[in-house]
Amino acid sequence: MDKLIFTVSGFWYFFLVVLIFLSLTKNKVALRNAFLFIASIFFYSQTSGWFVLLLLFSTLADYVIGWIMHNSKGVSRKLLLILSILINLGLLGFFKYAYFFASASADLFGTTWEAVVPGAQWLNDNLGTSIRVKDIILPVGISFYTFQTLSYSIDLFKKKIKPIKSILDFGFYVTFFPQLVAGPIVRAVEFIPQLHKPYDISNKEFKHAIWWILAGLTKKIVFADYIATNLVDKVFELPSSYSGFEVILALYGYSLQVFADFSGYSDIAIGVALLMGFRLPINFRSPYKARNVGEFWQRWHISLSTWLRDYLYIPMGGNRNATLFTSIFAFSLVLFASIALKSESTFLIGTGILLLSYGFSFMFPAWSRTAATSMNLFATMVIGGLWHGASWNFILWGALNGLGLMTFKFCKDLLPWSKIEAWWARAIGVILTFNFITITRIWFRSGSFSGEDDVYGEHDVLTEWFTANDLVNQILYNFNLNTVLDVISTNSIVLAVMGLGFTLHMVPENLSTRFIDRFTNLHTMTIWTITCVLAVILWLVGSSDPQPFIYFQF
């Protein structure tokens, strides 16, 4: 059977069976939830094989810990929360970051990769085994469902929610298949109330769900996959073979590709969930219309941005003060820089600067609060970058966005266009923000892979790093203006697709809302006709080998 991803026919046969069963059990909530839990487990097993056992273990652990925590008080309650955090982050850390940290520590301290896995070195030496960190396979979607279960434990600890009574209901919440492997990240406080409601969807909501699905499939097949195949992948695979101008075009293409790919998945997930009677949060709001970096992150991958804000940035001190975590992060940053540069002097100088900063904080409290806010903001973005993958490039990408947020925070009152609502002022902000975000994606794309086989492969940190360097080098030293017209002529179709994609993205919100409203007011037969025609078109223009969604690897 083909893997059950949204762009293969197998998924839609599977979904048809799900809808038929739901139509028979729409008023039997417990039976419906149990069925959807089983269906979701089957869905994940088709994507990740035996890693479904890891998902079940994580689900069972947080369910049991949640109930014990609910009936506990004081220190025991805190220890149970810590246990949940350790289990979830421990699994995530092992499967996603073991190779990265083992490789980094081997470079810095001269250890072996196996040393990071308890007992692995002893087993290899004494039993003749060959346990290798670089052979650890990354389970699809582990970053998403880990954050989802963490939000449940934390909200339960804060008494924002009550524990879910049924293990099947809880399993359904964790494993709900439309958003399981690539989001949106759904919080328990948003989803749990829907668990106990019978199936209910209006005719207009049904049509809106169809719109979400058609829009998402169009984004993925027409824009994301076409641009990737015909421009982006070729340039990033061997950047030194292309001029700086072609690299710039590929970067712009990648900005559209990653948006169309990821928001396309979110759109389909929202539509599929809505057809089953469940409402998922919006994950994107035209991010390339943002006037500044702060606004961009309020519009992009909203479920992750708000998760990091509420469960990381605010607890670590936010814009109030420094905490122990702030200090630990600052020291870790110095240590990471030392590892990356392989320099002991960097570690000594960085540590000295930190100690000096702590001295200043006692002398100038106002400066201390500003510095703490900046460090907390920077830490959130770096950790957000690391969440995407085990690569120095992801860390650098997160750091650049952190610096962008800090710079805007300090300079927003000095930028004349930031306070003016005229179209030209907004245009300046949008253009500058988009180009900043696009340039930072040199490191994001160099740390990512688009091929399905590469998702399960190892990350070669040096290769990723030098790929990014090659891109920058081509832009700075080999732009080659003489070939601009030839490049445009050769890539005319893909550039036209990009132009159409950006144009649609920049359509004013009130206009797009009116268009969607008209669509949802069409007769049902008209909706089905449009769906069938568009399905045929997408099948004809789509690749014979469906491309995996970019965020499956995260």
Protein backbone atom coordinates (compact mmCIF):
# COMPACT_ATOMS: atom_id res chain seq x y z
CA MET A 1 0.00 0.00 0.00
CA ASP A 2 1.20 3.53 -0.75
CA LYS A 3 2.01 5.63 2.23
CA LEU A 4 -1.11 7.45 3.33
CA ILE A 5 -0.17 11.02 2.50
CA PHE A 6 -2.66 13.56 1.21
CA THR A 7 -1.36 13.50 -2.37
CA VAL A 8 -1.87 9.79 -3.06
CA SER A 9 -5.16 8.08 -3.90
CA GLY A 10 -4.69 5.56 -1.09
CA PHE A 11 -5.32 8.24 1.52
CA TRP A 12 -8.62 9.28 -0.01
CA TYR A 13 -9.85 5.66 -0.15
CA PHE A 14 -8.87 5.36 3.50
CA PHE A 15 -10.64 8.64 4.31
CA LEU A 16 -13.79 7.51 2.47
CA VAL A 17 -13.97 4.43 4.70
CA VAL A 18 -13.53 6.68 7.75
CA LEU A 19 -16.37 8.98 6.64
CA ILE A 20 -18.69 6.04 5.99
CA PHE A 21 -18.08 4.68 9.48
CA LEU A 22 -18.54 8.15 11.02
CA SER A 23 -21.90 8.50 9.27
CA LEU A 24 -23.01 5.32 11.04
CA THR A 25 -21.75 6.38 14.48
CA LYS A 26 -22.27 10.15 14.47
CA ASN A 27 -24.32 10.12 17.70
CA LYS A 28 -22.23 7.43 19.44
CA VAL A 29 -19.34 9.55 20.66
CA ALA A 30 -17.39 6.86 22.54
CA LEU A 31 -17.55 4.45 19.60
CA ARG A 32 -16.58 7.20 17.16
CA ASN A 33 -13.55 8.23 19.24
CA ALA A 34 -12.41 4.61 19.63
CA PHE A 35 -12.71 4.04 15.88
CA LEU A 36 -10.81 7.23 15.03
CA PHE A 37 -8.05 6.24 17.46
CA ILE A 38 -7.69 2.87 15.73
CA ALA A 39 -7.87 4.51 12.28
CA SER A 40 -5.20 7.03 13.29
CA ILE A 41 -2.90 4.28 14.55
CA PHE A 42 -3.35 2.46 11.23
CA PHE A 43 -2.62 5.70 9.36
CA TYR A 44 0.60 6.29 11.30
CA SER A 45 1.72 2.68 10.89
CA GLN A 46 1.50 3.13 7.12
CA THR A 47 3.75 6.19 7.40
CA SER A 48 6.21 5.02 10.05
CA GLY A 49 5.93 1.25 10.45
CA TRP A 50 6.97 -0.05 13.86
CA PHE A 51 7.52 3.47 15.18
CA VAL A 52 3.80 3.36 15.93
CA LEU A 53 4.86 1.57 19.14
CA LEU A 54 6.81 4.67 20.16
CA LEU A 55 3.72 6.78 19.61
CA LEU A 56 1.62 4.37 21.70
CA PHE A 57 4.21 4.39 24.49
CA SER A 58 4.25 8.21 24.58
CA THR A 59 0.45 8.24 24.63
CA LEU A 60 0.15 5.69 27.44
CA ALA A 61 2.88 7.34 29.53
CA ASP A 62 1.28 10.79 29.44
CA TYR A 63 -2.19 9.36 30.07
CA VAL A 64 -1.06 7.52 33.21
CA ILE A 65 1.12 10.40 34.46
CA GLY A 66 -1.75 12.81 33.86
CA TRP A 67 -4.15 10.87 36.07
CA ILE A 68 -1.61 10.39 38.86
CA MET A 69 -0.71 14.10 38.65
CA HIS A 70 -4.39 15.06 38.88
CA ASN A 71 -4.66 13.18 42.18
CA SER A 72 -1.36 14.46 43.58
CA LYS A 73 -0.34 17.62 45.38
CA GLY A 74 2.77 19.64 46.15
CA VAL A 75 6.18 18.21 45.32
CA SER A 76 4.77 14.97 43.92
CA ARG A 77 2.78 16.91 41.36
CA LYS A 78 5.88 18.80 40.22
CA LEU A 79 7.94 15.61 40.04
CA LEU A 80 5.30 13.99 37.83
CA LEU A 81 5.37 16.97 35.48
CA ILE A 82 9.16 16.71 35.34
CA LEU A 83 8.83 12.98 34.59
CA SER A 84 6.47 13.71 31.68
CA ILE A 85 8.85 16.35 30.32
CA LEU A 86 11.84 14.01 30.66
CA ILE A 87 10.06 11.15 28.87
CA ASN A 88 8.84 13.29 25.99
CA LEU A 89 11.99 15.34 25.51
CA GLY A 90 14.12 12.27 26.15
CA LEU A 91 12.48 10.38 23.29
CA LEU A 92 12.67 13.43 21.05
CA GLY A 93 16.29 14.06 22.00
CA PHE A 94 17.39 10.48 21.38
CA PHE A 95 15.71 9.94 18.03
CA LYS A 96 16.22 13.42 16.63
CA TYR A 97 19.42 14.79 18.16
CA ALA A 98 21.60 11.88 19.31
CA TYR A 99 23.66 11.85 16.12
CA PHE A 100 24.05 15.62 16.07
CA PHE A 101 25.21 15.96 19.68
CA ALA A 102 27.37 12.84 19.48
CA SER A 103 29.10 14.18 16.39
CA ALA A 104 29.57 17.60 17.99
CA SER A 105 30.93 16.17 21.25
CA ALA A 106 33.25 13.85 19.32
CA ASP A 107 34.73 16.88 17.56
CA LEU A 108 35.14 18.87 20.76
CA PHE A 109 36.11 16.24 23.34
CA GLY A 110 37.50 13.44 21.19
CA THR A 111 34.81 10.94 22.25
CA THR A 112 33.15 8.34 20.06
CA TRP A 113 29.64 8.66 18.66
CA GLU A 114 28.53 5.55 20.56
CA ALA A 115 29.41 7.18 23.88
CA VAL A 116 26.22 9.22 23.77
CA VAL A 117 24.06 6.05 23.97
CA PRO A 118 24.27 4.49 27.46
CA GLY A 119 25.92 1.09 27.25
CA ALA A 120 26.40 1.17 23.49
CA GLN A 121 30.19 1.40 23.67
CA TRP A 122 30.38 -1.51 26.14
CA LEU A 123 28.09 -3.67 23.97
CA ASN A 124 30.13 -2.92 20.87
CA ASP A 125 33.42 -3.72 22.58
CA ASN A 126 32.35 -6.86 24.47
CA LEU A 127 29.57 -8.45 22.46
CA GLY A 128 30.68 -7.59 18.96
CA THR A 129 27.61 -5.48 18.21
CA SER A 130 27.69 -2.44 15.95
CA ILE A 131 25.38 0.09 17.56
CA ARG A 132 25.90 3.36 15.68
CA VAL A 133 24.28 6.66 16.55
CA LYS A 134 24.21 7.73 12.92
CA ASP A 135 21.91 4.79 12.12
CA ILE A 136 19.12 6.07 14.38
CA ILE A 137 16.01 6.66 12.26
CA LEU A 138 13.84 9.74 12.82
CA PRO A 139 10.16 8.84 13.39
CA VAL A 140 7.86 10.96 11.24
CA GLY A 141 5.99 13.64 13.17
CA ILE A 142 7.71 13.05 16.52
CA SER A 143 8.29 16.78 17.08
CA PHE A 144 4.61 17.51 16.57
CA TYR A 145 3.05 14.87 18.79
CA THR A 146 5.71 15.39 21.48
CA PHE A 147 4.80 19.07 21.78
CA GLN A 148 1.12 18.13 21.75
CA THR A 149 1.40 15.70 24.67
CA LEU A 150 3.64 18.15 26.54
CA SER A 151 0.96 20.83 26.31
CA TYR A 152 -1.50 18.36 27.85
CA SER A 153 0.76 17.61 30.83
CA ILE A 154 1.64 21.27 31.42
CA ASP A 155 -1.98 22.49 31.17
CA LEU A 156 -3.04 19.66 33.48
CA PHE A 157 -0.36 20.69 35.98
CA LYS A 158 -1.59 24.30 35.82
CA LYS A 159 -5.18 23.04 36.28
CA LYS A 160 -6.32 24.63 33.02
CA ILE A 161 -7.90 21.31 32.04
CA LYS A 162 -9.08 18.10 33.66
CA PRO A 163 -7.63 14.71 32.69
CA ILE A 164 -9.31 12.78 29.89
CA LYS A 165 -11.12 9.82 31.43
CA SER A 166 -10.86 7.29 28.63
CA ILE A 167 -7.51 6.06 27.34
CA LEU A 168 -9.14 5.70 23.92
CA ASP A 169 -10.28 9.33 23.99
CA PHE A 170 -6.80 10.46 25.01
CA GLY A 171 -5.24 8.28 22.33
CA PHE A 172 -7.57 9.81 19.79
CA TYR A 173 -6.52 13.34 20.86
CA VAL A 174 -2.81 12.52 20.52
CA THR A 175 -2.99 10.54 17.29
CA PHE A 176 -5.75 12.33 15.31
CA PHE A 177 -4.49 11.49 11.84
CA PRO A 178 -5.12 14.69 9.79
CA GLN A 179 -2.61 16.69 11.83
CA LEU A 180 -0.54 13.94 13.43
CA VAL A 181 2.61 14.07 11.29
CA ALA A 182 2.85 17.77 10.36
CA GLY A 183 0.46 19.78 12.50
CA PRO A 184 -1.12 22.10 13.30
CA ILE A 185 -0.06 21.42 16.90
CA VAL A 186 -3.38 21.11 18.72
CA ARG A 187 -3.57 21.91 22.41
CA ALA A 188 -5.68 19.83 24.75
CA VAL A 189 -7.62 22.88 25.94
CA GLU A 190 -8.78 23.46 22.35
CA PHE A 191 -9.50 19.86 21.37
CA ILE A 192 -10.75 18.07 24.48
CA PRO A 193 -14.16 19.85 24.53
CA GLN A 194 -14.74 18.54 20.99
CA LEU A 195 -14.16 14.93 22.05
CA HIS A 196 -17.53 14.67 23.78
CA LYS A 197 -19.69 16.40 21.18
CA PRO A 198 -21.64 14.40 18.59
CA TYR A 199 -20.92 14.90 14.90
CA ASP A 200 -22.19 18.30 13.83
CA ILE A 201 -21.31 20.20 10.67
CA SER A 202 -23.42 22.72 8.78
CA ASN A 203 -23.83 22.75 5.01
CA LYS A 204 -21.69 25.89 4.79
CA GLU A 205 -18.96 24.31 6.94
CA PHE A 206 -19.01 21.24 4.70
CA LYS A 207 -18.40 23.42 1.64
CA HIS A 208 -15.72 25.36 3.51
CA ALA A 209 -13.97 22.08 4.29
CA ILE A 210 -13.97 21.23 0.58
CA TRP A 211 -12.44 24.65 -0.09
CA TRP A 212 -9.65 24.01 2.44
CA ILE A 213 -8.82 20.66 0.86
CA LEU A 214 -8.85 21.93 -2.73
CA ALA A 215 -6.78 24.99 -1.81
CA GLY A 216 -4.24 22.85 0.03
CA LEU A 217 -3.86 20.32 -2.78
CA THR A 218 -3.46 23.12 -5.32
CA LYS A 219 -0.76 24.78 -3.22
CA LYS A 220 1.13 21.52 -2.87
CA ILE A 221 0.88 20.10 -6.40
CA VAL A 222 0.71 23.17 -8.64
CA PHE A 223 3.07 25.46 -6.75
CA ALA A 224 5.27 23.67 -4.19
CA ASP A 225 6.12 20.51 -6.13
CA TYR A 226 6.46 22.21 -9.52
CA ILE A 227 8.77 24.95 -8.25
CA ALA A 228 10.85 22.45 -6.28
CA THR A 229 11.30 20.07 -9.21
CA ASN A 230 12.00 22.70 -11.86
CA LEU A 231 14.13 25.20 -9.96
CA VAL A 232 14.80 24.93 -6.24
CA ASP A 233 16.08 21.36 -5.90
CA LYS A 234 18.46 21.69 -8.85
CA VAL A 235 20.09 24.87 -7.55
CA PHE A 236 20.43 23.72 -3.94
CA GLU A 237 21.81 20.36 -4.98
CA LEU A 238 24.81 21.91 -6.72
CA PRO A 239 24.82 25.70 -6.09
CA SER A 240 28.33 26.28 -7.46
CA SER A 241 27.03 25.34 -10.93
CA TYR A 242 24.57 28.24 -10.96
CA SER A 243 25.01 32.01 -11.01
CA GLY A 244 24.18 34.22 -8.06
CA PHE A 245 21.08 35.44 -9.91
CA GLU A 246 19.82 31.85 -10.25
CA VAL A 247 20.51 31.29 -6.55
CA ILE A 248 18.41 34.37 -5.71
CA LEU A 249 15.57 33.08 -7.90
CA ALA A 250 15.83 29.68 -6.20
CA LEU A 251 15.66 31.34 -2.79
CA TYR A 252 12.53 33.25 -3.75
CA GLY A 253 11.17 30.04 -5.20
CA TYR A 254 11.93 28.19 -1.99
CA SER A 255 10.11 30.83 0.07
CA LEU A 256 7.01 30.19 -2.03
CA GLN A 257 7.59 26.43 -2.07
CA VAL A 258 7.92 26.01 1.70
CA PHE A 259 4.86 28.20 2.29
CA ALA A 260 2.74 26.40 -0.32
CA ASP A 261 3.94 22.99 0.91
CA PHE A 262 3.46 23.53 4.63
CA SER A 263 0.37 25.73 4.56
CA GLY A 264 -1.03 23.36 1.93
CA TYR A 265 -0.68 20.47 4.38
CA SER A 266 -2.28 22.54 7.15
CA ASP A 267 -5.17 23.54 4.86
CA ILE A 268 -5.87 19.91 3.91
CA ALA A 269 -5.62 18.81 7.56
CA ILE A 270 -8.08 21.52 8.63
CA GLY A 271 -10.49 20.57 5.83
CA VAL A 272 -10.29 16.82 6.46
CA ALA A 273 -10.80 17.35 10.20
CA LEU A 274 -13.76 19.66 9.57
CA LEU A 275 -15.45 17.03 7.38
CA MET A 276 -15.25 14.75 10.44
CA GLY A 277 -16.74 17.47 12.66
CA PHE A 278 -13.55 18.70 14.36
CA ARG A 279 -12.18 22.24 14.23
CA LEU A 280 -8.41 22.70 14.07
CA PRO A 281 -6.68 26.07 14.56
CA ILE A 282 -5.58 28.18 11.62
CA ASN A 283 -1.82 27.77 11.11
CA PHE A 284 -1.01 30.49 8.54
CA ARG A 285 -2.33 33.99 7.86
CA SER A 286 -0.66 35.28 4.69
CA PRO A 287 2.80 35.53 6.34
CA TYR A 288 4.47 37.34 3.44
CA LYS A 289 2.20 40.32 4.04
CA ALA A 290 4.00 40.94 7.35
CA ARG A 291 5.57 44.38 7.81
CA ASN A 292 8.22 43.20 10.29
CA VAL A 293 9.80 40.04 11.64
CA GLY A 294 7.63 40.04 14.75
CA GLU A 295 4.45 40.18 12.67
CA PHE A 296 5.81 37.45 10.39
CA TRP A 297 6.07 35.02 13.29
CA GLN A 298 2.53 35.90 14.32
CA ARG A 299 1.40 34.77 10.86
CA TRP A 300 3.71 31.79 10.16
CA HIS A 301 3.27 28.32 11.72
CA ILE A 302 1.05 29.93 14.33
CA SER A 303 0.52 26.74 16.35
CA LEU A 304 4.30 26.39 16.91
CA SER A 305 4.95 30.12 17.43
CA THR A 306 2.25 30.40 20.10
CA TRP A 307 3.38 27.10 21.69
CA LEU A 308 6.93 28.42 22.03
CA ARG A 309 5.61 31.71 23.38
CA ASP A 310 3.32 30.17 26.02
CA TYR A 311 5.37 27.14 27.09
CA LEU A 312 8.92 28.44 26.64
CA TYR A 313 9.31 32.21 26.27
CA ILE A 314 6.92 33.28 29.06
CA PRO A 315 8.00 30.58 31.57
CA MET A 316 11.68 31.43 31.04
CA GLY A 317 10.95 35.04 32.00
CA GLY A 318 9.51 36.57 28.84
CA ASN A 319 9.86 40.34 28.84
CA ARG A 320 9.87 40.49 32.63
CA ASN A 321 13.20 39.23 33.94
CA ALA A 322 15.97 36.66 33.69
CA THR A 323 15.57 33.18 35.15
CA LEU A 324 17.84 30.23 35.77
CA PHE A 325 16.93 29.00 32.30
CA THR A 326 18.11 32.29 30.79
CA SER A 327 21.50 31.81 32.42
CA ILE A 328 21.71 28.15 31.38
CA PHE A 329 20.87 29.07 27.80
CA ALA A 330 23.43 31.88 27.72
CA PHE A 331 26.13 29.49 28.92
CA SER A 332 24.97 26.79 26.46
CA LEU A 333 25.17 29.34 23.67
CA VAL A 334 28.80 30.01 24.49
CA LEU A 335 29.49 26.27 24.67
CA PHE A 336 27.77 25.66 21.32
CA ALA A 337 29.74 28.46 19.69
CA SER A 338 32.93 26.91 21.03
CA ILE A 339 31.95 23.51 19.60
CA ALA A 340 31.00 24.98 16.22
CA LEU A 341 34.25 26.95 15.96
CA LYS A 342 36.30 24.23 17.69
CA SER A 343 37.87 26.97 19.79
CA GLU A 344 38.68 26.94 23.50
CA SER A 345 39.40 30.68 23.41
CA THR A 346 35.82 31.31 22.26
CA PHE A 347 34.59 29.49 25.34
CA LEU A 348 36.84 31.49 27.68
CA ILE A 349 36.01 34.87 26.11
CA GLY A 350 32.29 34.09 26.00
CA THR A 351 32.24 32.99 29.62
CA GLY A 352 34.06 36.19 30.60
CA ILE A 353 31.48 38.32 28.77
CA LEU A 354 28.67 36.50 30.58
CA LEU A 355 30.23 37.10 33.98
CA LEU A 356 30.71 40.77 33.10
CA SER A 357 27.07 40.99 32.02
CA TYR A 358 25.91 39.54 35.32
CA GLY A 359 27.94 42.22 37.10
CA PHE A 360 26.29 44.96 35.07
CA SER A 361 22.84 43.50 35.82
CA PHE A 362 23.28 44.18 39.54
CA MET A 363 24.47 47.72 38.90
CA PHE A 364 21.85 48.65 36.28
CA PRO A 365 18.51 46.81 36.87
CA ALA A 366 16.76 48.45 33.89
CA TRP A 367 19.54 47.30 31.56
CA SER A 368 19.28 43.85 33.11
CA ARG A 369 15.58 43.58 32.25
CA THR A 370 16.20 44.65 28.64
CA ALA A 371 19.09 42.22 28.28
CA ALA A 372 17.03 39.40 29.81
CA THR A 373 14.14 40.05 27.43
CA SER A 374 16.51 39.96 24.46
CA MET A 375 18.17 36.77 25.64
CA ASN A 376 14.81 35.08 26.27
CA LEU A 377 13.61 36.09 22.82
CA PHE A 378 16.84 34.92 21.23
CA ALA A 379 16.72 31.62 23.14
CA THR A 380 13.17 30.96 21.98
CA MET A 381 14.11 31.41 18.32
CA VAL A 382 17.28 29.30 18.59
CA ILE A 383 15.34 26.48 20.25
CA GLY A 384 12.65 26.92 17.60
CA GLY A 385 15.36 26.50 14.98
CA LEU A 386 16.72 23.39 16.69
CA TRP A 387 13.15 21.98 16.87
CA HIS A 388 13.22 21.82 13.07
CA GLY A 389 16.21 19.52 12.91
CA ALA A 390 19.60 18.37 14.17
CA SER A 391 21.80 20.71 12.17
CA TRP A 392 24.01 23.70 12.84
CA ASN A 393 22.21 25.38 9.96
CA PHE A 394 18.86 25.18 11.74
CA ILE A 395 20.45 26.69 14.85
CA LEU A 396 21.97 29.46 12.76
CA TRP A 397 18.65 30.06 11.01
CA GLY A 398 16.90 30.35 14.38
CA ALA A 399 19.64 32.66 15.67
CA LEU A 400 19.32 34.95 12.63
CA ASN A 401 15.57 35.22 13.19
CA GLY A 402 16.20 35.89 16.87
CA LEU A 403 18.58 38.71 15.94
CA GLY A 404 15.97 40.01 13.49
CA LEU A 405 13.34 40.13 16.24
CA MET A 406 15.74 41.81 18.65
CA THR A 407 16.80 44.38 16.03
CA PHE A 408 13.20 45.24 15.20
CA LYS A 409 12.33 45.53 18.88
CA PHE A 410 15.13 48.06 19.43
CA CYS A 411 14.75 49.96 16.16
CA LYS A 412 11.01 50.01 15.46
CA ASP A 413 10.61 53.54 16.80
CA LEU A 414 13.46 54.72 14.56
CA LEU A 415 12.01 53.32 11.33
CA PRO A 416 9.84 56.01 9.71
CA TRP A 417 7.65 53.55 7.79
CA SER A 418 6.81 51.41 10.82
CA LYS A 419 4.25 53.92 12.13
CA ILE A 420 2.78 55.07 8.82
CA GLU A 421 -0.26 53.31 7.36
CA ALA A 422 0.20 54.60 3.80
CA TRP A 423 0.53 51.90 1.12
CA TRP A 424 4.13 52.82 0.32
CA ALA A 425 5.16 52.54 3.98
CA ARG A 426 3.53 49.12 4.25
CA ALA A 427 5.19 48.08 1.00
CA ILE A 428 8.65 49.00 2.34
CA GLY A 429 8.07 46.96 5.49
CA VAL A 430 6.72 43.96 3.56
CA ILE A 431 9.59 43.97 1.04
CA LEU A 432 12.29 44.27 3.70
CA THR A 433 10.72 41.58 5.89
CA PHE A 434 10.22 39.15 3.01
CA ASN A 435 13.79 39.54 1.80
CA PHE A 436 15.19 39.11 5.31
CA ILE A 437 13.16 35.92 5.83
CA THR A 438 14.16 34.65 2.38
CA ILE A 439 17.89 35.26 2.93
CA THR A 440 17.82 33.43 6.28
CA ARG A 441 16.36 30.42 4.47
CA ILE A 442 19.74 29.84 2.86
CA TRP A 443 20.58 28.03 6.09
CA PHE A 444 17.11 26.56 6.63
CA ARG A 445 17.00 24.90 3.20
CA SER A 446 20.63 23.78 3.46
CA GLY A 447 19.73 21.99 6.69
CA SER A 448 16.62 20.42 5.15
CA PHE A 449 16.05 17.72 2.61
CA SER A 450 13.18 17.34 0.16
CA GLY A 451 13.60 13.75 -0.97
CA GLU A 452 11.65 11.03 0.84
CA ASP A 453 14.69 8.79 1.20
CA ASP A 454 16.67 11.64 2.75
CA VAL A 455 14.12 12.08 5.53
CA TYR A 456 15.34 8.85 7.09
CA GLY A 457 19.00 9.40 6.30
CA GLU A 458 21.69 10.95 8.42
CA HIS A 459 22.41 14.66 8.57
CA ASP A 460 25.86 15.45 7.21
CA VAL A 461 26.51 18.69 9.10
CA LEU A 462 29.62 19.66 7.15
CA THR A 463 27.91 19.11 3.80
CA GLU A 464 24.97 21.24 4.91
CA TRP A 465 27.25 24.00 6.19
CA PHE A 466 29.31 24.21 3.01
CA THR A 467 26.20 24.08 0.84
CA ALA A 468 25.02 27.23 2.61
CA ASN A 469 28.44 28.80 2.14
CA ASP A 470 28.36 27.99 -1.57
CA LEU A 471 25.02 29.74 -1.94
CA VAL A 472 26.27 32.87 -0.22
CA ASN A 473 29.48 32.80 -2.25
CA GLN A 474 27.57 32.60 -5.56
CA ILE A 475 25.37 35.55 -4.59
CA LEU A 476 28.30 37.73 -3.50
CA TYR A 477 30.96 36.87 -6.05
CA ASN A 478 29.32 35.22 -9.04
CA PHE A 479 26.07 37.07 -9.68
CA ASN A 480 26.79 37.21 -13.45
CA LEU A 481 24.46 39.94 -14.74
CA ASN A 482 25.29 39.02 -18.34
CA THR A 483 23.19 35.87 -18.15
CA VAL A 484 20.10 37.39 -16.49
CA LEU A 485 17.98 37.48 -19.66
CA ASP A 486 19.00 33.94 -20.62
CA VAL A 487 18.12 32.67 -17.14
CA ILE A 488 14.72 34.36 -17.26
CA SER A 489 14.03 32.92 -20.71
CA THR A 490 15.09 29.41 -19.71
CA ASN A 491 12.97 29.47 -16.55
CA SER A 492 10.01 31.43 -17.93
CA ILE A 493 7.34 28.88 -16.99
CA VAL A 494 8.50 28.32 -13.43
CA LEU A 495 8.91 32.08 -12.95
CA ALA A 496 5.35 32.56 -14.22
CA VAL A 497 4.13 29.99 -11.69
CA MET A 498 6.04 31.80 -8.95
CA GLY A 499 4.58 35.14 -10.05
CA LEU A 500 1.06 33.71 -9.93
CA GLY A 501 1.70 32.18 -6.51
CA PHE A 502 2.96 35.41 -4.97
CA THR A 503 0.14 37.38 -6.59
CA LEU A 504 -2.50 35.08 -5.10
CA HIS A 505 -0.77 35.27 -1.75
CA MET A 506 -0.85 39.08 -1.73
CA VAL A 507 -4.57 39.32 -2.58
CA PRO A 508 -6.21 41.55 0.08
CA GLU A 509 -7.85 39.55 2.85
CA ASN A 510 -11.29 41.10 2.37
CA LEU A 511 -11.22 40.10 -1.31
CA SER A 512 -10.16 36.50 -0.63
CA THR A 513 -12.79 36.24 2.13
CA ARG A 514 -15.51 37.34 -0.29
CA PHE A 515 -14.32 34.80 -2.86
CA ILE A 516 -14.41 31.97 -0.33
CA ASP A 517 -17.85 33.11 0.82
CA ARG A 518 -19.11 32.94 -2.77
CA PHE A 519 -17.67 29.45 -3.15
CA THR A 520 -19.41 28.22 0.00
CA ASN A 521 -22.71 29.67 -1.22
CA LEU A 522 -22.62 27.67 -4.46
CA HIS A 523 -25.04 24.79 -4.98
CA THR A 524 -23.74 21.46 -3.71
CA MET A 525 -23.76 19.92 -7.21
CA THR A 526 -21.67 22.84 -8.47
CA ILE A 527 -19.20 22.25 -5.63
CA TRP A 528 -18.89 18.57 -6.57
CA THR A 529 -18.41 19.45 -10.24
CA ILE A 530 -15.61 21.89 -9.41
CA THR A 531 -14.04 19.29 -7.12
CA CYS A 532 -14.06 16.58 -9.79
CA VAL A 533 -12.68 18.88 -12.50
CA LEU A 534 -9.92 20.20 -10.26
CA ALA A 535 -9.07 16.67 -9.09
CA VAL A 536 -8.54 15.59 -12.70
CA ILE A 537 -6.39 18.68 -13.41
CA LEU A 538 -4.25 18.06 -10.31
CA TRP A 539 -3.86 14.40 -11.27
CA LEU A 540 -2.71 15.39 -14.76
CA VAL A 541 -0.22 18.07 -13.67
CA GLY A 542 1.00 16.23 -10.57
CA SER A 543 4.18 14.20 -10.44
CA SER A 544 3.95 10.47 -11.02
CA ASP A 545 6.10 10.09 -7.91
CA PRO A 546 4.34 12.15 -5.18
CA GLN A 547 6.73 14.38 -3.25
CA PRO A 548 6.62 14.11 0.55
CA PHE A 549 5.62 17.20 2.48
CA ILE A 550 8.65 19.17 3.68
CA TYR A 551 7.60 19.19 7.34
CA PHE A 552 7.34 15.40 7.55
CA GLN A 553 11.02 15.41 8.53
CA PHE A 554 10.44 17.70 11.50
